[in-house]
N, C-alpha and C. Protein backbone atom coordinates (compact mmCIF):
# COMPACT_ATOMS: atom_id res chain seq x y z
N MET A 1 -1.71 -6.20 21.09
CA MET A 1 -0.19 -5.79 20.50
C MET A 1 0.53 -4.28 20.54
N HIS A 2 1.56 -4.18 21.11
CA HIS A 2 2.13 -2.74 21.40
C HIS A 2 2.29 -2.05 20.04
N SER A 3 2.06 -0.88 20.23
CA SER A 3 2.29 0.18 18.84
C SER A 3 3.68 -0.26 18.12
N LEU A 4 4.90 -0.34 18.89
CA LEU A 4 6.22 -0.61 18.76
C LEU A 4 6.13 -1.81 17.75
N ASP A 5 5.17 -2.74 17.71
CA ASP A 5 5.15 -4.16 17.03
C ASP A 5 4.86 -4.21 15.73
N ILE A 6 3.81 -2.87 15.47
CA ILE A 6 2.96 -2.80 14.25
C ILE A 6 3.84 -1.83 13.55
N ASP A 7 3.85 -2.99 12.03
CA ASP A 7 4.65 -2.38 10.67
C ASP A 7 3.69 -1.65 9.92
N TRP A 8 3.71 -0.46 10.33
CA TRP A 8 2.72 0.59 9.30
C TRP A 8 3.27 0.54 8.25
N ASN A 9 4.69 0.16 7.99
CA ASN A 9 5.62 0.84 6.64
C ASN A 9 5.40 -0.50 5.40
N ARG A 10 5.25 -1.37 5.96
CA ARG A 10 4.56 -2.58 4.91
C ARG A 10 3.68 -3.19 4.96
N PRO A 11 2.78 -2.66 4.67
CA PRO A 11 1.04 -3.26 4.61
C PRO A 11 1.20 -4.45 3.60
N ALA A 12 0.17 -5.04 3.92
CA ALA A 12 -0.11 -6.34 2.73
C ALA A 12 -1.27 -5.47 1.93
N ASP A 13 -1.13 -5.50 0.36
CA ASP A 13 -2.37 -4.95 -0.60
C ASP A 13 -3.17 -6.01 -0.78
N PRO A 14 -3.80 -5.34 -1.72
CA PRO A 14 -5.10 -6.23 -1.78
C PRO A 14 -4.45 -7.42 -2.70
N PRO A 15 -5.25 -8.38 -2.24
CA PRO A 15 -5.08 -9.82 -3.42
C PRO A 15 -5.61 -9.41 -4.95
N GLY A 16 -6.71 -8.93 -5.11
CA GLY A 16 -7.06 -8.71 -6.23
C GLY A 16 -6.49 -7.78 -7.23
N ALA A 17 -6.29 -8.33 -8.51
CA ALA A 17 -5.38 -7.30 -9.52
C ALA A 17 -5.63 -5.91 -9.49
N PRO A 18 -7.06 -5.37 -9.87
CA PRO A 18 -7.33 -4.41 -9.99
C PRO A 18 -6.87 -3.44 -8.75
N GLN A 19 -7.60 -3.77 -7.49
CA GLN A 19 -7.29 -2.99 -6.19
C GLN A 19 -5.83 -2.76 -6.02
N ARG A 20 -4.98 -3.78 -6.26
CA ARG A 20 -3.43 -4.11 -6.04
C ARG A 20 -2.99 -3.11 -6.96
N ASP A 21 -3.47 -3.00 -8.02
CA ASP A 21 -2.88 -2.16 -9.44
C ASP A 21 -2.73 -0.68 -8.32
N HIS A 22 -4.39 -0.10 -8.07
CA HIS A 22 -4.64 1.06 -8.10
C HIS A 22 -3.86 1.58 -6.66
N VAL A 23 -3.65 0.49 -5.44
CA VAL A 23 -2.34 0.94 -4.70
C VAL A 23 -1.32 1.13 -4.75
N ARG A 24 -1.01 0.27 -5.49
CA ARG A 24 0.60 0.30 -6.04
C ARG A 24 0.77 1.89 -7.03
N ALA A 25 0.07 2.15 -7.74
CA ALA A 25 0.16 3.32 -8.50
C ALA A 25 -0.05 4.49 -7.45
N TYR A 26 -1.08 4.32 -6.67
CA TYR A 26 -0.98 5.59 -5.68
C TYR A 26 0.14 5.73 -4.67
N VAL A 27 0.35 4.85 -4.30
CA VAL A 27 1.68 4.94 -3.57
C VAL A 27 2.88 5.12 -4.11
N SER A 28 3.27 4.93 -5.18
CA SER A 28 4.31 5.09 -6.09
C SER A 28 4.27 6.54 -6.78
N THR A 29 2.89 7.00 -7.17
CA THR A 29 3.33 8.41 -7.41
C THR A 29 2.71 9.41 -6.53
N GLY A 30 2.72 8.90 -5.25
CA GLY A 30 2.18 10.11 -4.07
C GLY A 30 0.29 10.53 -4.10
N GLY A 31 -0.16 9.41 -4.90
CA GLY A 31 -1.68 10.12 -5.12
C GLY A 31 -1.64 10.82 -6.71
N THR A 32 -0.64 11.20 -6.95
CA THR A 32 -0.76 11.68 -8.24
C THR A 32 -1.90 10.87 -9.33
N ASP A 33 -1.38 9.44 -9.35
CA ASP A 33 -2.15 8.62 -9.81
C ASP A 33 -2.96 7.65 -9.16
N GLY A 34 -3.88 7.97 -8.75
CA GLY A 34 -4.73 7.12 -7.98
C GLY A 34 -5.78 7.58 -6.93
N HIS A 35 -5.29 8.98 -6.84
CA HIS A 35 -6.37 9.82 -5.83
C HIS A 35 -7.49 9.62 -6.31
N LEU A 36 -7.87 10.30 -7.82
CA LEU A 36 -9.07 10.25 -8.25
C LEU A 36 -9.20 9.22 -9.19
N TRP A 37 -10.16 8.06 -8.87
CA TRP A 37 -10.20 7.00 -9.48
C TRP A 37 -11.83 7.03 -9.83
N HIS A 38 -11.89 6.92 -11.31
CA HIS A 38 -13.19 7.08 -12.16
C HIS A 38 -13.86 8.34 -11.51
N GLY A 39 -13.05 9.37 -11.27
CA GLY A 39 -13.74 10.94 -11.06
C GLY A 39 -13.91 10.88 -9.74
N VAL A 40 -13.69 9.91 -8.74
CA VAL A 40 -14.17 10.24 -7.25
C VAL A 40 -12.84 10.27 -6.60
N PRO A 41 -12.83 10.83 -5.43
CA PRO A 41 -11.58 10.93 -4.68
C PRO A 41 -11.44 9.41 -3.96
N THR A 42 -10.22 9.32 -3.71
CA THR A 42 -9.86 7.91 -2.97
C THR A 42 -8.90 8.10 -1.76
N LEU A 43 -9.08 7.28 -1.00
CA LEU A 43 -7.66 7.24 0.01
C LEU A 43 -7.15 5.87 0.45
N LEU A 44 -5.88 5.65 0.72
CA LEU A 44 -5.64 4.22 1.21
C LEU A 44 -5.70 4.13 2.47
N LEU A 45 -6.57 3.28 3.10
CA LEU A 45 -6.88 2.88 4.27
C LEU A 45 -5.67 1.66 4.82
N THR A 46 -4.95 1.85 6.20
CA THR A 46 -4.32 0.79 6.37
C THR A 46 -4.92 0.53 7.78
N THR A 47 -5.30 -0.96 8.06
CA THR A 47 -6.04 -1.16 9.35
C THR A 47 -4.80 -2.15 9.96
N ILE A 48 -5.05 -2.82 11.19
CA ILE A 48 -3.99 -3.87 12.02
C ILE A 48 -5.30 -4.97 11.75
N GLY A 49 -4.60 -6.21 11.63
CA GLY A 49 -5.43 -7.24 11.43
C GLY A 49 -5.93 -8.17 12.69
N ARG A 50 -7.08 -8.21 13.00
CA ARG A 50 -7.65 -8.81 14.10
C ARG A 50 -6.89 -9.80 14.55
N ALA A 51 -6.57 -10.93 13.63
CA ALA A 51 -6.16 -12.20 14.04
C ALA A 51 -4.58 -12.30 13.70
N THR A 52 -4.21 -11.39 12.98
CA THR A 52 -2.52 -11.40 12.54
C THR A 52 -1.67 -10.65 13.36
N GLY A 53 -2.18 -9.37 13.18
CA GLY A 53 -1.58 -8.19 14.24
C GLY A 53 -1.02 -7.69 12.52
N ARG A 54 -0.85 -8.19 11.82
CA ARG A 54 -0.47 -7.61 10.57
C ARG A 54 -1.17 -6.29 9.92
N THR A 55 -0.49 -5.19 9.34
CA THR A 55 -1.46 -4.45 8.75
C THR A 55 -1.61 -4.42 7.10
N ALA A 56 -2.68 -4.05 6.77
CA ALA A 56 -3.21 -4.45 5.30
C ALA A 56 -3.55 -3.22 4.85
N ARG A 57 -3.69 -2.75 3.81
CA ARG A 57 -4.20 -1.79 3.06
C ARG A 57 -5.39 -1.71 1.67
N THR A 58 -6.07 -0.75 1.72
CA THR A 58 -7.42 -0.75 0.85
C THR A 58 -7.57 0.39 0.20
N PRO A 59 -7.79 0.41 -1.05
CA PRO A 59 -8.19 1.83 -1.56
C PRO A 59 -9.77 1.81 -1.15
N LEU A 60 -10.09 3.07 -0.73
CA LEU A 60 -11.53 3.34 -0.49
C LEU A 60 -12.03 4.75 -0.86
N ILE A 61 -13.12 5.01 -1.42
CA ILE A 61 -13.73 6.19 -2.15
C ILE A 61 -14.24 6.91 -0.15
N TYR A 62 -13.83 8.60 -0.74
CA TYR A 62 -14.44 9.23 0.80
C TYR A 62 -14.96 10.62 0.38
N ALA A 63 -15.70 10.72 1.74
CA ALA A 63 -16.11 12.16 1.39
C ALA A 63 -15.40 12.97 2.53
N GLU A 64 -15.78 14.31 2.70
CA GLU A 64 -14.98 15.02 3.63
C GLU A 64 -15.79 16.02 4.14
N ASP A 65 -16.22 16.08 5.53
CA ASP A 65 -16.97 17.17 6.16
C ASP A 65 -15.81 17.23 7.39
N GLU A 66 -15.73 18.75 6.81
CA GLU A 66 -14.36 19.40 7.87
C GLU A 66 -13.31 18.65 8.30
N ASP A 67 -12.88 18.35 9.47
CA ASP A 67 -11.74 17.35 9.57
C ASP A 67 -12.14 15.85 9.62
N ARG A 68 -12.97 15.52 9.00
CA ARG A 68 -13.52 14.18 8.94
C ARG A 68 -13.34 13.45 7.56
N LEU A 69 -13.00 12.43 7.46
CA LEU A 69 -13.10 11.79 6.49
C LEU A 69 -14.44 10.24 6.50
N ILE A 70 -14.88 10.01 5.45
CA ILE A 70 -15.83 9.44 5.72
C ILE A 70 -16.30 8.45 4.60
N VAL A 71 -15.94 7.05 4.80
CA VAL A 71 -16.01 5.92 4.06
C VAL A 71 -16.87 5.09 4.23
N ALA A 72 -17.46 3.92 3.27
CA ALA A 72 -18.53 3.00 3.18
C ALA A 72 -18.15 1.82 2.97
N ALA A 73 -18.38 0.88 4.11
CA ALA A 73 -18.06 -0.37 4.06
C ALA A 73 -18.83 -1.50 3.12
N SER A 74 -18.85 -1.12 2.06
CA SER A 74 -19.79 -1.72 1.25
C SER A 74 -19.55 -3.08 0.78
N GLY A 75 -18.14 -3.43 0.49
CA GLY A 75 -17.70 -4.63 0.26
C GLY A 75 -18.52 -4.93 -1.11
N TYR A 76 -18.82 -4.35 -1.81
CA TYR A 76 -19.57 -4.84 -3.40
C TYR A 76 -21.08 -5.07 -3.20
N GLY A 77 -21.63 -4.84 -1.96
CA GLY A 77 -22.52 -5.47 -1.52
C GLY A 77 -22.86 -7.10 -1.00
N ALA A 78 -21.59 -7.44 -0.50
CA ALA A 78 -21.42 -8.82 -0.08
C ALA A 78 -22.26 -8.84 1.20
N PRO A 79 -22.50 -10.29 1.46
CA PRO A 79 -23.22 -10.32 2.90
C PRO A 79 -22.44 -10.03 4.15
N ALA A 80 -21.08 -10.05 3.92
CA ALA A 80 -20.68 -9.78 5.44
C ALA A 80 -19.61 -8.79 5.19
N HIS A 81 -19.78 -7.77 5.88
CA HIS A 81 -18.64 -6.51 6.18
C HIS A 81 -17.23 -6.76 5.73
N PRO A 82 -16.40 -6.01 5.07
CA PRO A 82 -15.18 -6.27 4.75
C PRO A 82 -14.13 -6.35 5.80
N ASP A 83 -13.53 -7.15 5.60
CA ASP A 83 -12.00 -7.59 6.71
C ASP A 83 -11.60 -6.12 6.92
N TRP A 84 -11.38 -5.21 6.48
CA TRP A 84 -11.01 -4.22 6.86
C TRP A 84 -12.05 -3.38 7.91
N TYR A 85 -13.23 -3.39 7.74
CA TYR A 85 -14.01 -2.95 8.79
C TYR A 85 -13.88 -3.82 10.17
N ALA A 86 -13.58 -4.86 10.19
CA ALA A 86 -14.09 -5.96 11.05
C ALA A 86 -12.79 -5.36 11.89
N ASN A 87 -11.60 -5.40 11.07
CA ASN A 87 -10.46 -5.05 11.89
C ASN A 87 -10.17 -3.53 12.60
N LEU A 88 -10.81 -2.51 12.03
CA LEU A 88 -10.82 -1.30 12.81
C LEU A 88 -12.00 -1.26 13.57
N THR A 89 -12.72 -2.09 13.62
CA THR A 89 -14.07 -2.13 14.87
C THR A 89 -12.77 -3.02 16.23
N ALA A 90 -11.88 -3.77 15.47
CA ALA A 90 -11.68 -4.65 16.78
C ALA A 90 -10.26 -3.39 17.22
N ASP A 91 -9.76 -2.40 16.55
CA ASP A 91 -8.59 -1.71 16.55
C ASP A 91 -8.91 -0.54 15.92
N PRO A 92 -9.06 0.70 16.50
CA PRO A 92 -9.45 2.00 15.73
C PRO A 92 -8.18 2.71 15.01
N ARG A 93 -7.05 2.23 15.55
CA ARG A 93 -5.97 2.80 15.24
C ARG A 93 -5.71 2.61 13.52
N VAL A 94 -5.44 3.54 12.82
CA VAL A 94 -5.46 3.21 11.21
C VAL A 94 -4.26 4.46 10.95
N ARG A 95 -4.10 3.89 9.62
CA ARG A 95 -3.14 4.90 9.03
C ARG A 95 -3.84 5.19 7.73
N VAL A 96 -3.77 6.38 7.16
CA VAL A 96 -4.58 6.89 6.11
C VAL A 96 -3.55 7.70 4.99
N GLN A 97 -3.81 7.27 3.49
CA GLN A 97 -2.90 7.96 2.63
C GLN A 97 -4.12 8.76 1.85
N ARG A 98 -3.76 10.25 2.09
CA ARG A 98 -4.91 11.23 1.15
C ARG A 98 -3.87 11.91 0.33
N GLY A 99 -3.05 11.51 -1.08
CA GLY A 99 -2.06 12.19 -1.47
C GLY A 99 -0.99 11.41 -0.90
N PRO A 100 0.26 12.16 -0.85
CA PRO A 100 1.71 11.67 -0.84
C PRO A 100 2.28 10.98 0.65
N ILE A 101 1.43 11.60 1.60
CA ILE A 101 1.87 11.20 2.95
C ILE A 101 1.19 10.72 3.78
N PRO A 102 1.57 9.33 4.51
CA PRO A 102 0.24 8.54 5.20
C PRO A 102 0.41 9.25 6.56
N PHE A 103 -0.70 9.27 7.32
CA PHE A 103 -0.53 9.77 8.84
C PHE A 103 -1.47 9.27 9.68
N PRO A 104 -1.36 8.97 11.03
CA PRO A 104 -1.78 8.54 12.13
C PRO A 104 -3.42 8.84 12.00
N ALA A 105 -4.29 7.66 12.20
CA ALA A 105 -5.87 8.25 12.24
C ALA A 105 -6.41 7.34 13.53
N THR A 106 -7.62 7.52 13.78
CA THR A 106 -8.59 6.70 14.60
C THR A 106 -10.15 6.71 13.50
N ALA A 107 -10.43 5.42 13.50
CA ALA A 107 -11.76 5.27 12.84
C ALA A 107 -12.77 4.27 13.69
N ARG A 108 -13.87 4.87 13.36
CA ARG A 108 -14.91 4.20 14.00
C ARG A 108 -16.30 4.22 13.38
N PRO A 109 -16.94 3.17 13.56
CA PRO A 109 -18.22 3.34 12.86
C PRO A 109 -19.09 4.51 12.91
N ALA A 110 -20.06 5.13 12.08
CA ALA A 110 -20.78 6.03 12.35
C ALA A 110 -21.85 5.84 13.35
N THR A 111 -22.28 6.90 13.91
CA THR A 111 -23.66 6.69 14.62
C THR A 111 -24.57 6.49 13.65
N PRO A 112 -26.01 5.90 14.18
CA PRO A 112 -26.97 5.89 13.08
C PRO A 112 -27.42 7.29 12.99
N ALA A 113 -27.49 8.45 13.51
CA ALA A 113 -27.47 10.01 13.11
C ALA A 113 -26.49 10.29 12.15
N GLU A 114 -25.25 10.03 12.07
CA GLU A 114 -23.98 10.13 11.17
C GLU A 114 -24.43 9.53 9.69
N ARG A 115 -24.60 8.19 10.08
CA ARG A 115 -25.07 7.27 8.79
C ARG A 115 -26.20 8.30 8.01
N GLU A 116 -27.15 8.22 8.92
CA GLU A 116 -28.38 8.77 8.15
C GLU A 116 -28.03 10.28 7.22
N ALA A 117 -27.03 11.11 8.10
CA ALA A 117 -26.42 12.46 7.43
C ALA A 117 -25.61 12.20 6.18
N TYR A 118 -24.69 10.93 6.69
CA TYR A 118 -23.65 10.93 5.59
C TYR A 118 -24.12 10.02 4.41
N TRP A 119 -24.81 9.09 4.50
CA TRP A 119 -25.07 8.08 3.42
C TRP A 119 -25.59 9.17 2.34
N PRO A 120 -26.38 10.09 2.00
CA PRO A 120 -26.62 10.75 1.08
C PRO A 120 -25.54 11.14 0.15
N VAL A 121 -24.64 11.83 1.20
CA VAL A 121 -23.33 12.54 0.44
C VAL A 121 -22.37 11.61 -0.26
N LEU A 122 -22.25 10.21 0.24
CA LEU A 122 -21.40 9.23 -0.08
C LEU A 122 -22.29 8.57 -1.80
N THR A 123 -23.62 8.78 -1.59
CA THR A 123 -24.14 8.08 -2.69
C THR A 123 -24.03 9.13 -3.77
N ALA A 124 -24.07 10.58 -3.65
CA ALA A 124 -24.05 11.38 -4.48
C ALA A 124 -22.83 11.54 -5.17
N LEU A 125 -21.84 11.05 -4.56
CA LEU A 125 -20.45 10.88 -4.89
C LEU A 125 -20.14 9.74 -5.83
N TRP A 126 -20.90 8.73 -5.39
CA TRP A 126 -20.70 7.35 -6.22
C TRP A 126 -22.13 6.48 -5.91
N PRO A 127 -22.65 6.84 -6.79
CA PRO A 127 -23.91 6.30 -6.91
C PRO A 127 -24.32 4.81 -6.64
N PRO A 128 -23.29 3.64 -7.27
CA PRO A 128 -23.39 2.48 -6.95
C PRO A 128 -23.20 1.88 -5.52
N PHE A 129 -22.90 2.77 -4.57
CA PHE A 129 -23.09 2.40 -3.21
C PHE A 129 -24.55 2.17 -2.70
N ASP A 130 -25.68 2.93 -3.52
CA ASP A 130 -27.40 2.20 -3.47
C ASP A 130 -27.14 0.79 -4.07
N ASP A 131 -26.99 0.67 -5.19
CA ASP A 131 -26.77 -0.60 -5.72
C ASP A 131 -26.33 -1.72 -4.52
N ASP A 132 -24.94 -1.46 -4.39
CA ASP A 132 -24.55 -2.71 -3.20
C ASP A 132 -25.46 -2.75 -1.96
N GLN A 133 -26.25 -1.64 -1.45
CA GLN A 133 -26.88 -1.67 -0.47
C GLN A 133 -28.08 -2.87 -0.65
N SER A 134 -28.47 -2.36 -2.18
CA SER A 134 -29.95 -3.07 -2.59
C SER A 134 -29.56 -4.58 -2.58
N ARG A 135 -28.52 -5.13 -2.73
CA ARG A 135 -28.11 -6.63 -2.91
C ARG A 135 -27.51 -7.09 -1.76
N THR A 136 -27.62 -6.58 -0.57
CA THR A 136 -27.04 -7.18 0.63
C THR A 136 -28.46 -6.88 1.34
N SER A 137 -28.48 -7.90 2.91
CA SER A 137 -29.55 -7.70 3.84
C SER A 137 -28.69 -6.78 4.83
N ARG A 138 -27.63 -6.65 4.96
CA ARG A 138 -26.93 -6.12 6.07
C ARG A 138 -27.16 -4.59 5.97
N GLU A 139 -27.24 -3.74 6.75
CA GLU A 139 -26.96 -2.29 6.22
C GLU A 139 -25.59 -1.70 6.63
N ILE A 140 -24.72 -1.59 5.32
CA ILE A 140 -23.51 -1.56 4.88
C ILE A 140 -23.70 0.21 5.87
N PRO A 141 -22.29 -0.32 6.93
CA PRO A 141 -22.05 0.66 7.64
C PRO A 141 -21.07 1.91 7.35
N LEU A 142 -21.08 3.58 7.77
CA LEU A 142 -20.13 4.10 7.11
C LEU A 142 -19.14 4.27 8.54
N VAL A 143 -17.93 4.91 8.34
CA VAL A 143 -16.81 4.92 8.94
C VAL A 143 -16.30 6.20 8.64
N ILE A 144 -16.09 6.80 10.46
CA ILE A 144 -15.70 8.29 10.53
C ILE A 144 -14.54 7.90 10.90
N ILE A 145 -13.30 8.82 10.17
CA ILE A 145 -12.06 8.68 10.32
C ILE A 145 -11.33 9.99 10.72
N GLU A 146 -10.66 10.39 12.03
CA GLU A 146 -10.02 11.12 12.42
C GLU A 146 -9.06 11.33 12.66
N ARG A 147 -7.78 12.51 12.53
CA ARG A 147 -6.83 12.52 12.89
C ARG A 147 -6.78 12.50 14.12
């Protein structure tokens, strides 16, 4: 799919009410309502559907390291990686909204060394990530996002 064919301006929002409501509040207030969720920072990650070519938006907890944003593909400890993770492994072009203005970025799975370095940072920020990891046999991947 060509970049011109991708509709970044009308992504699908999550089907579940709590996540969908979070995204809509975040977008409508430019992040004033929604950037902090339960006391932790969140961003909105828009990926390109690997099967549909349509964009979809997901709220995610993130950590920062200089110009990098780091997120966990925890999926609440589900047996399979979340769809957004599979999407970005198929096409690393993403849009990120952290505050009022979305920006283009590139996302990639963290290397083993990056995962080792950043996992404690994310679990210090959101300890339930450790619970998610204990509920699944898969290693929860981390994703590095860069402008």
